[in-house]
Amino acid sequence: MKRFILLLICVAALRFVRNSILISDDVIYDSLSDQLSHERIIQLLDRGKKWEWLSYCFLPFLLLIKILFVAACLSIGALFLRTEAGFQKFLKIATTAEFVFLIPPFISLCWFAFVNTQYTLQDLKFFSPLSMINFFSHFELEPWLVYPIQLLNVFELLYWAVLAWQLQEVLKKSFPESLGFVMKTYGVGLTVWVVVVMFLTVSLT
């Protein structure tokens, strides 16, 4: 529980700093001025500030759902191996590994705050450090391809490695064997999720 609370505080803090520093009114106006009228942009800004607190309210639930999903994938796989470890153990493993994903938003914050200070909302949306998507222009990609290509990044691989490293003790297996277990469990679950996201993207665009 303490680990989850610490993770939640870090995620919320990064989001708050990002929204406060990077997503200013000027950036929003410059990014939308070619598409919307001045009055419409002002309305969107007012509405965004009014309901911004809602995103922080949903954050614990979204984070918990993701961790539960990963833990469930690992737990189901462990049943086939007849591992005695309980679901609580896999929750702790999934929560610890989730700290890896604090690195990309921190890099993004530093990049746009100190390096690329002339940016748009599109730049913020598609910026994914050490990801395959950096080899493409987001104007060239179909919307349904953006998410799976963004997932092909160093931090996703590091996340798998951290899961496998922790599972060595639980499964009583070597690191390569534990990594294979992650591929067969979490990897399958992630593939299903990516397919769902791609389907929804195609349906809604």
C-alpha atoms as a PDB file:
ATOM      1  CA  MET A   1       0.000   0.000   0.000  1.00  0.00           C
ATOM      2  CA  LYS A   2       2.808   2.399   0.893  1.00  0.00           C
ATOM      3  CA  ARG A   3       4.508   1.612  -2.404  1.00  0.00           C
ATOM      4  CA  PHE A   4       1.337   2.369  -4.342  1.00  0.00           C
ATOM      5  CA  ILE A   5       0.796   5.664  -2.490  1.00  0.00           C
ATOM      6  CA  LEU A   6       4.391   6.718  -3.226  1.00  0.00           C
ATOM      7  CA  LEU A   7       3.924   5.827  -6.894  1.00  0.00           C
ATOM      8  CA  LEU A   8       0.652   7.750  -7.025  1.00  0.00           C
ATOM      9  CA  ILE A   9       2.235  10.840  -5.459  1.00  0.00           C
ATOM     10  CA  CYS A  10       5.091  10.746  -7.995  1.00  0.00           C
ATOM     11  CA  VAL A  11       2.722  10.328 -10.957  1.00  0.00           C
ATOM     12  CA  ALA A  12       0.420  13.114  -9.746  1.00  0.00           C
ATOM     13  CA  ALA A  13       3.369  15.434  -9.050  1.00  0.00           C
ATOM     14  CA  LEU A  14       4.825  14.920 -12.521  1.00  0.00           C
ATOM     15  CA  ARG A  15       1.432  15.538 -14.111  1.00  0.00           C
ATOM     16  CA  PHE A  16       0.871  18.685 -12.058  1.00  0.00           C
ATOM     17  CA  VAL A  17       4.313  20.108 -12.895  1.00  0.00           C
ATOM     18  CA  ARG A  18       3.854  19.226 -16.578  1.00  0.00           C
ATOM     19  CA  ASN A  19       0.439  20.888 -16.750  1.00  0.00           C
ATOM     20  CA  SER A  20       1.645  23.944 -14.846  1.00  0.00           C
ATOM     21  CA  ILE A  21       4.886  24.515 -16.749  1.00  0.00           C
ATOM     22  CA  LEU A  22       4.430  23.066 -20.237  1.00  0.00           C
ATOM     23  CA  ILE A  23       0.730  23.439 -21.021  1.00  0.00           C
ATOM     24  CA  SER A  24       0.336  27.191 -20.685  1.00  0.00           C
ATOM     25  CA  ASP A  25      -2.491  29.267 -22.136  1.00  0.00           C
ATOM     26  CA  ASP A  26      -0.110  30.623 -24.779  1.00  0.00           C
ATOM     27  CA  VAL A  27       0.845  27.123 -25.943  1.00  0.00           C
ATOM     28  CA  ILE A  28      -2.804  26.084 -26.182  1.00  0.00           C
ATOM     29  CA  TYR A  29      -3.741  29.258 -28.042  1.00  0.00           C
ATOM     30  CA  ASP A  30      -0.843  29.005 -30.505  1.00  0.00           C
ATOM     31  CA  SER A  31      -1.636  25.336 -31.166  1.00  0.00           C
ATOM     32  CA  LEU A  32      -5.357  25.856 -31.776  1.00  0.00           C
ATOM     33  CA  SER A  33      -5.457  29.320 -33.342  1.00  0.00           C
ATOM     34  CA  ASP A  34      -5.444  27.899 -36.874  1.00  0.00           C
ATOM     35  CA  GLN A  35      -8.392  25.619 -36.131  1.00  0.00           C
ATOM     36  CA  LEU A  36     -10.645  27.513 -33.725  1.00  0.00           C
ATOM     37  CA  SER A  37     -11.777  31.063 -33.137  1.00  0.00           C
ATOM     38  CA  HIS A  38     -10.441  33.156 -30.281  1.00  0.00           C
ATOM     39  CA  GLU A  39     -13.725  32.912 -28.382  1.00  0.00           C
ATOM     40  CA  ARG A  40     -13.854  29.133 -28.744  1.00  0.00           C
ATOM     41  CA  ILE A  41     -10.298  28.752 -27.460  1.00  0.00           C
ATOM     42  CA  ILE A  42     -11.102  30.918 -24.430  1.00  0.00           C
ATOM     43  CA  GLN A  43     -14.111  28.694 -23.715  1.00  0.00           C
ATOM     44  CA  LEU A  44     -11.956  25.578 -23.909  1.00  0.00           C
ATOM     45  CA  LEU A  45      -9.360  27.098 -21.588  1.00  0.00           C
ATOM     46  CA  ASP A  46     -11.991  28.029 -19.012  1.00  0.00           C
ATOM     47  CA  ARG A  47     -13.600  24.605 -19.218  1.00  0.00           C
ATOM     48  CA  GLY A  48     -10.237  22.868 -18.903  1.00  0.00           C
ATOM     49  CA  LYS A  49      -9.300  24.795 -15.769  1.00  0.00           C
ATOM     50  CA  LYS A  50     -12.734  24.187 -14.279  1.00  0.00           C
ATOM     51  CA  TRP A  51     -12.587  20.404 -14.666  1.00  0.00           C
ATOM     52  CA  GLU A  52      -8.843  19.803 -14.371  1.00  0.00           C
ATOM     53  CA  TRP A  53      -9.250  18.441 -10.836  1.00  0.00           C
ATOM     54  CA  LEU A  54     -11.281  15.537 -12.242  1.00  0.00           C
ATOM     55  CA  SER A  55      -8.212  14.091 -13.969  1.00  0.00           C
ATOM     56  CA  TYR A  56      -6.451  13.881 -10.609  1.00  0.00           C
ATOM     57  CA  CYS A  57      -9.489  12.180  -9.058  1.00  0.00           C
ATOM     58  CA  PHE A  58      -9.467   9.445 -11.710  1.00  0.00           C
ATOM     59  CA  LEU A  59      -5.688   8.981 -11.552  1.00  0.00           C
ATOM     60  CA  PRO A  60      -5.640   6.520  -8.592  1.00  0.00           C
ATOM     61  CA  PHE A  61      -8.284   4.332 -10.232  1.00  0.00           C
ATOM     62  CA  LEU A  62      -6.542   4.282 -13.628  1.00  0.00           C
ATOM     63  CA  LEU A  63      -3.210   3.453 -12.015  1.00  0.00           C
ATOM     64  CA  LEU A  64      -4.755   0.739  -9.863  1.00  0.00           C
ATOM     65  CA  ILE A  65      -6.553  -0.822 -12.843  1.00  0.00           C
ATOM     66  CA  LYS A  66      -3.288  -1.035 -14.772  1.00  0.00           C
ATOM     67  CA  ILE A  67      -1.436  -2.626 -11.853  1.00  0.00           C
ATOM     68  CA  LEU A  68      -4.293  -5.082 -11.243  1.00  0.00           C
ATOM     69  CA  PHE A  69      -4.254  -6.003 -14.936  1.00  0.00           C
ATOM     70  CA  VAL A  70      -0.515  -6.761 -14.914  1.00  0.00           C
ATOM     71  CA  ALA A  71      -0.750  -8.650 -11.612  1.00  0.00           C
ATOM     72  CA  ALA A  72      -3.684 -10.688 -12.949  1.00  0.00           C
ATOM     73  CA  CYS A  73      -1.726 -11.654 -16.082  1.00  0.00           C
ATOM     74  CA  LEU A  74       1.224 -12.803 -13.965  1.00  0.00           C
ATOM     75  CA  SER A  75      -1.005 -14.574 -11.439  1.00  0.00           C
ATOM     76  CA  ILE A  76      -2.893 -16.523 -14.105  1.00  0.00           C
ATOM     77  CA  GLY A  77       0.401 -17.639 -15.628  1.00  0.00           C
ATOM     78  CA  ALA A  78       1.666 -18.685 -12.198  1.00  0.00           C
ATOM     79  CA  LEU A  79      -1.365 -20.945 -11.737  1.00  0.00           C
ATOM     80  CA  PHE A  80      -0.204 -23.074 -14.656  1.00  0.00           C
ATOM     81  CA  LEU A  81       3.217 -23.382 -13.003  1.00  0.00           C
ATOM     82  CA  ARG A  82       1.563 -24.243  -9.681  1.00  0.00           C
ATOM     83  CA  THR A  83       3.465 -21.453  -7.952  1.00  0.00           C
ATOM     84  CA  GLU A  84       2.508 -20.918  -4.317  1.00  0.00           C
ATOM     85  CA  ALA A  85       2.929 -17.127  -4.446  1.00  0.00           C
ATOM     86  CA  GLY A  86      -0.313 -15.262  -3.761  1.00  0.00           C
ATOM     87  CA  PHE A  87      -1.888 -12.447  -5.746  1.00  0.00           C
ATOM     88  CA  GLN A  88      -0.541  -9.912  -3.219  1.00  0.00           C
ATOM     89  CA  LYS A  89       2.999 -10.790  -4.252  1.00  0.00           C
ATOM     90  CA  PHE A  90       2.275 -10.112  -7.901  1.00  0.00           C
ATOM     91  CA  LEU A  91       0.619  -6.805  -6.984  1.00  0.00           C
ATOM     92  CA  LYS A  92       3.816  -5.734  -5.253  1.00  0.00           C
ATOM     93  CA  ILE A  93       5.910  -6.791  -8.258  1.00  0.00           C
ATOM     94  CA  ALA A  94       3.670  -4.887 -10.701  1.00  0.00           C
ATOM     95  CA  THR A  95       3.664  -1.777  -8.498  1.00  0.00           C
ATOM     96  CA  THR A  96       7.451  -1.747  -8.196  1.00  0.00           C
ATOM     97  CA  ALA A  97       7.945  -2.162 -11.945  1.00  0.00           C
ATOM     98  CA  GLU A  98       5.542   0.732 -12.614  1.00  0.00           C
ATOM     99  CA  PHE A  99       8.145   3.171 -11.252  1.00  0.00           C
ATOM    100  CA  VAL A 100      10.003   2.676 -14.544  1.00  0.00           C
ATOM    101  CA  PHE A 101       7.305   4.675 -16.320  1.00  0.00           C
ATOM    102  CA  LEU A 102       8.089   7.750 -14.220  1.00  0.00           C
ATOM    103  CA  ILE A 103      11.233   8.232 -16.305  1.00  0.00           C
ATOM    104  CA  PRO A 104       9.642   9.140 -19.695  1.00  0.00           C
ATOM    105  CA  PRO A 105       7.433  12.004 -18.362  1.00  0.00           C
ATOM    106  CA  PHE A 106      10.419  13.347 -16.409  1.00  0.00           C
ATOM    107  CA  ILE A 107      12.542  13.323 -19.578  1.00  0.00           C
ATOM    108  CA  SER A 108       9.683  14.964 -21.472  1.00  0.00           C
ATOM    109  CA  LEU A 109       9.398  17.685 -18.827  1.00  0.00           C
ATOM    110  CA  CYS A 110      13.117  18.447 -18.968  1.00  0.00           C
ATOM    111  CA  TRP A 111      13.209  18.314 -22.772  1.00  0.00           C
ATOM    112  CA  PHE A 112      10.469  20.866 -23.374  1.00  0.00           C
ATOM    113  CA  ALA A 113      11.356  23.032 -20.387  1.00  0.00           C
ATOM    114  CA  PHE A 114      15.062  23.418 -21.225  1.00  0.00           C
ATOM    115  CA  VAL A 115      15.846  22.099 -24.729  1.00  0.00           C
ATOM    116  CA  ASN A 116      12.946  22.438 -27.162  1.00  0.00           C
ATOM    117  CA  THR A 117      11.157  25.439 -25.690  1.00  0.00           C
ATOM    118  CA  GLN A 118       9.248  26.207 -28.899  1.00  0.00           C
ATOM    119  CA  TYR A 119       6.658  23.456 -29.051  1.00  0.00           C
ATOM    120  CA  THR A 120       2.979  22.776 -29.688  1.00  0.00           C
ATOM    121  CA  LEU A 121       0.387  20.527 -28.089  1.00  0.00           C
ATOM    122  CA  GLN A 122       1.019  18.022 -30.883  1.00  0.00           C
ATOM    123  CA  ASP A 123       4.704  17.931 -29.966  1.00  0.00           C
ATOM    124  CA  LEU A 124       3.806  17.174 -26.344  1.00  0.00           C
ATOM    125  CA  LYS A 125       1.309  14.516 -27.360  1.00  0.00           C
ATOM    126  CA  PHE A 126       3.600  12.575 -29.678  1.00  0.00           C
ATOM    127  CA  PHE A 127       6.900  13.028 -27.836  1.00  0.00           C
ATOM    128  CA  SER A 128       8.029   9.606 -26.666  1.00  0.00           C
ATOM    129  CA  PRO A 129      11.688   9.380 -25.580  1.00  0.00           C
ATOM    130  CA  LEU A 130      13.697   6.424 -26.892  1.00  0.00           C
ATOM    131  CA  SER A 131      10.726   5.151 -28.872  1.00  0.00           C
ATOM    132  CA  MET A 132      10.388   3.880 -32.429  1.00  0.00           C
ATOM    133  CA  ILE A 133       7.807   6.573 -33.139  1.00  0.00           C
ATOM    134  CA  ASN A 134      10.620   9.137 -33.226  1.00  0.00           C
ATOM    135  CA  PHE A 135      11.646   7.675 -36.581  1.00  0.00           C
ATOM    136  CA  PHE A 136       8.285   8.686 -38.055  1.00  0.00           C
ATOM    137  CA  SER A 137       6.401  11.910 -38.540  1.00  0.00           C
ATOM    138  CA  HIS A 138       3.032  11.786 -36.785  1.00  0.00           C
ATOM    139  CA  PHE A 139       1.554  13.370 -39.906  1.00  0.00           C
ATOM    140  CA  GLU A 140       2.553  10.276 -41.880  1.00  0.00           C
ATOM    141  CA  LEU A 141       1.081   7.702 -39.497  1.00  0.00           C
ATOM    142  CA  GLU A 142      -2.453   6.430 -39.409  1.00  0.00           C
ATOM    143  CA  PRO A 143      -4.032   7.229 -36.007  1.00  0.00           C
ATOM    144  CA  TRP A 144      -4.441   3.529 -35.153  1.00  0.00           C
ATOM    145  CA  LEU A 145      -0.709   2.942 -35.592  1.00  0.00           C
ATOM    146  CA  VAL A 146       0.468   5.652 -33.192  1.00  0.00           C
ATOM    147  CA  TYR A 147      -0.130   3.795 -29.920  1.00  0.00           C
ATOM    148  CA  PRO A 148       1.496   0.436 -30.846  1.00  0.00           C
ATOM    149  CA  ILE A 149       4.534   2.190 -32.319  1.00  0.00           C
ATOM    150  CA  GLN A 150       4.867   4.358 -29.208  1.00  0.00           C
ATOM    151  CA  LEU A 151       4.955   1.169 -27.135  1.00  0.00           C
ATOM    152  CA  LEU A 152       8.101   0.063 -28.951  1.00  0.00           C
ATOM    153  CA  ASN A 153      10.471   1.895 -26.630  1.00  0.00           C
ATOM    154  CA  VAL A 154      13.378   1.269 -24.271  1.00  0.00           C
ATOM    155  CA  PHE A 155      11.301   1.866 -21.132  1.00  0.00           C
ATOM    156  CA  GLU A 156       8.778  -0.826 -22.040  1.00  0.00           C
ATOM    157  CA  LEU A 157      11.672  -3.257 -22.402  1.00  0.00           C
ATOM    158  CA  LEU A 158      13.097  -2.064 -19.080  1.00  0.00           C
ATOM    159  CA  TYR A 159       9.667  -2.613 -17.504  1.00  0.00           C
ATOM    160  CA  TRP A 160       9.653  -6.215 -18.722  1.00  0.00           C
ATOM    161  CA  ALA A 161      13.183  -6.673 -17.361  1.00  0.00           C
ATOM    162  CA  VAL A 162      12.223  -5.309 -13.917  1.00  0.00           C
ATOM    163  CA  LEU A 163       9.216  -7.656 -13.812  1.00  0.00           C
ATOM    164  CA  ALA A 164      11.418 -10.616 -14.747  1.00  0.00           C
ATOM    165  CA  TRP A 165      14.107  -9.637 -12.240  1.00  0.00           C
ATOM    166  CA  GLN A 166      11.579  -9.644  -9.397  1.00  0.00           C
ATOM    167  CA  LEU A 167       9.917 -12.861 -10.570  1.00  0.00           C
ATOM    168  CA  GLN A 168      13.156 -14.844 -10.306  1.00  0.00           C
ATOM    169  CA  GLU A 169      12.693 -15.352  -6.585  1.00  0.00           C
ATOM    170  CA  VAL A 170       8.951 -16.018  -6.821  1.00  0.00           C
ATOM    171  CA  LEU A 171       9.155 -18.515  -9.682  1.00  0.00           C
ATOM    172  CA  LYS A 172      12.502 -20.002  -8.639  1.00  0.00           C
ATOM    173  CA  LYS A 173      13.719 -19.549 -12.196  1.00  0.00           C
ATOM    174  CA  SER A 174      16.616 -17.822 -13.944  1.00  0.00           C
ATOM    175  CA  PHE A 175      16.309 -14.347 -15.417  1.00  0.00           C
ATOM    176  CA  PRO A 176      15.903 -15.588 -19.039  1.00  0.00           C
ATOM    177  CA  GLU A 177      13.205 -18.037 -17.915  1.00  0.00           C
ATOM    178  CA  SER A 178      11.431 -15.335 -15.908  1.00  0.00           C
ATOM    179  CA  LEU A 179      11.592 -13.003 -18.897  1.00  0.00           C
ATOM    180  CA  GLY A 180      10.019 -15.724 -21.011  1.00  0.00           C
ATOM    181  CA  PHE A 181       7.269 -16.028 -18.396  1.00  0.00           C
ATOM    182  CA  VAL A 182       6.631 -12.267 -18.654  1.00  0.00           C
ATOM    183  CA  MET A 183       6.384 -12.547 -22.441  1.00  0.00           C
ATOM    184  CA  LYS A 184       3.833 -15.389 -22.205  1.00  0.00           C
ATOM    185  CA  THR A 185       1.681 -13.668 -19.565  1.00  0.00           C
ATOM    186  CA  TYR A 186       1.936  -9.887 -19.528  1.00  0.00           C
ATOM    187  CA  GLY A 187       3.031  -9.891 -23.165  1.00  0.00           C
ATOM    188  CA  VAL A 188      -0.151 -11.676 -24.231  1.00  0.00           C
ATOM    189  CA  GLY A 189      -2.308  -9.362 -22.116  1.00  0.00           C
ATOM    190  CA  LEU A 190      -0.577  -6.301 -23.555  1.00  0.00           C
ATOM    191  CA  THR A 191      -1.102  -7.576 -27.106  1.00  0.00           C
ATOM    192  CA  VAL A 192      -4.826  -7.997 -26.476  1.00  0.00           C
ATOM    193  CA  TRP A 193      -5.000  -4.481 -25.004  1.00  0.00           C
ATOM    194  CA  VAL A 194      -3.154  -2.979 -27.996  1.00  0.00           C
ATOM    195  CA  VAL A 195      -5.561  -4.683 -30.398  1.00  0.00           C
ATOM    196  CA  VAL A 196      -8.529  -3.267 -28.451  1.00  0.00           C
ATOM    197  CA  VAL A 197      -7.048   0.249 -28.535  1.00  0.00           C
ATOM    198  CA  MET A 198      -6.359  -0.018 -32.263  1.00  0.00           C
ATOM    199  CA  PHE A 199      -9.912  -1.230 -32.907  1.00  0.00           C
ATOM    200  CA  LEU A 200     -11.417   1.630 -30.872  1.00  0.00           C
ATOM    201  CA  THR A 201      -9.170   4.150 -32.635  1.00  0.00           C
ATOM    202  CA  VAL A 202     -10.284   2.939 -36.051  1.00  0.00           C
ATOM    203  CA  SER A 203     -13.942   2.960 -34.956  1.00  0.00           C
ATOM    204  CA  LEU A 204     -13.834   6.495 -33.560  1.00  0.00           C
ATOM    205  CA  THR A 205     -11.801   8.173 -36.307  1.00  0.00           C
END
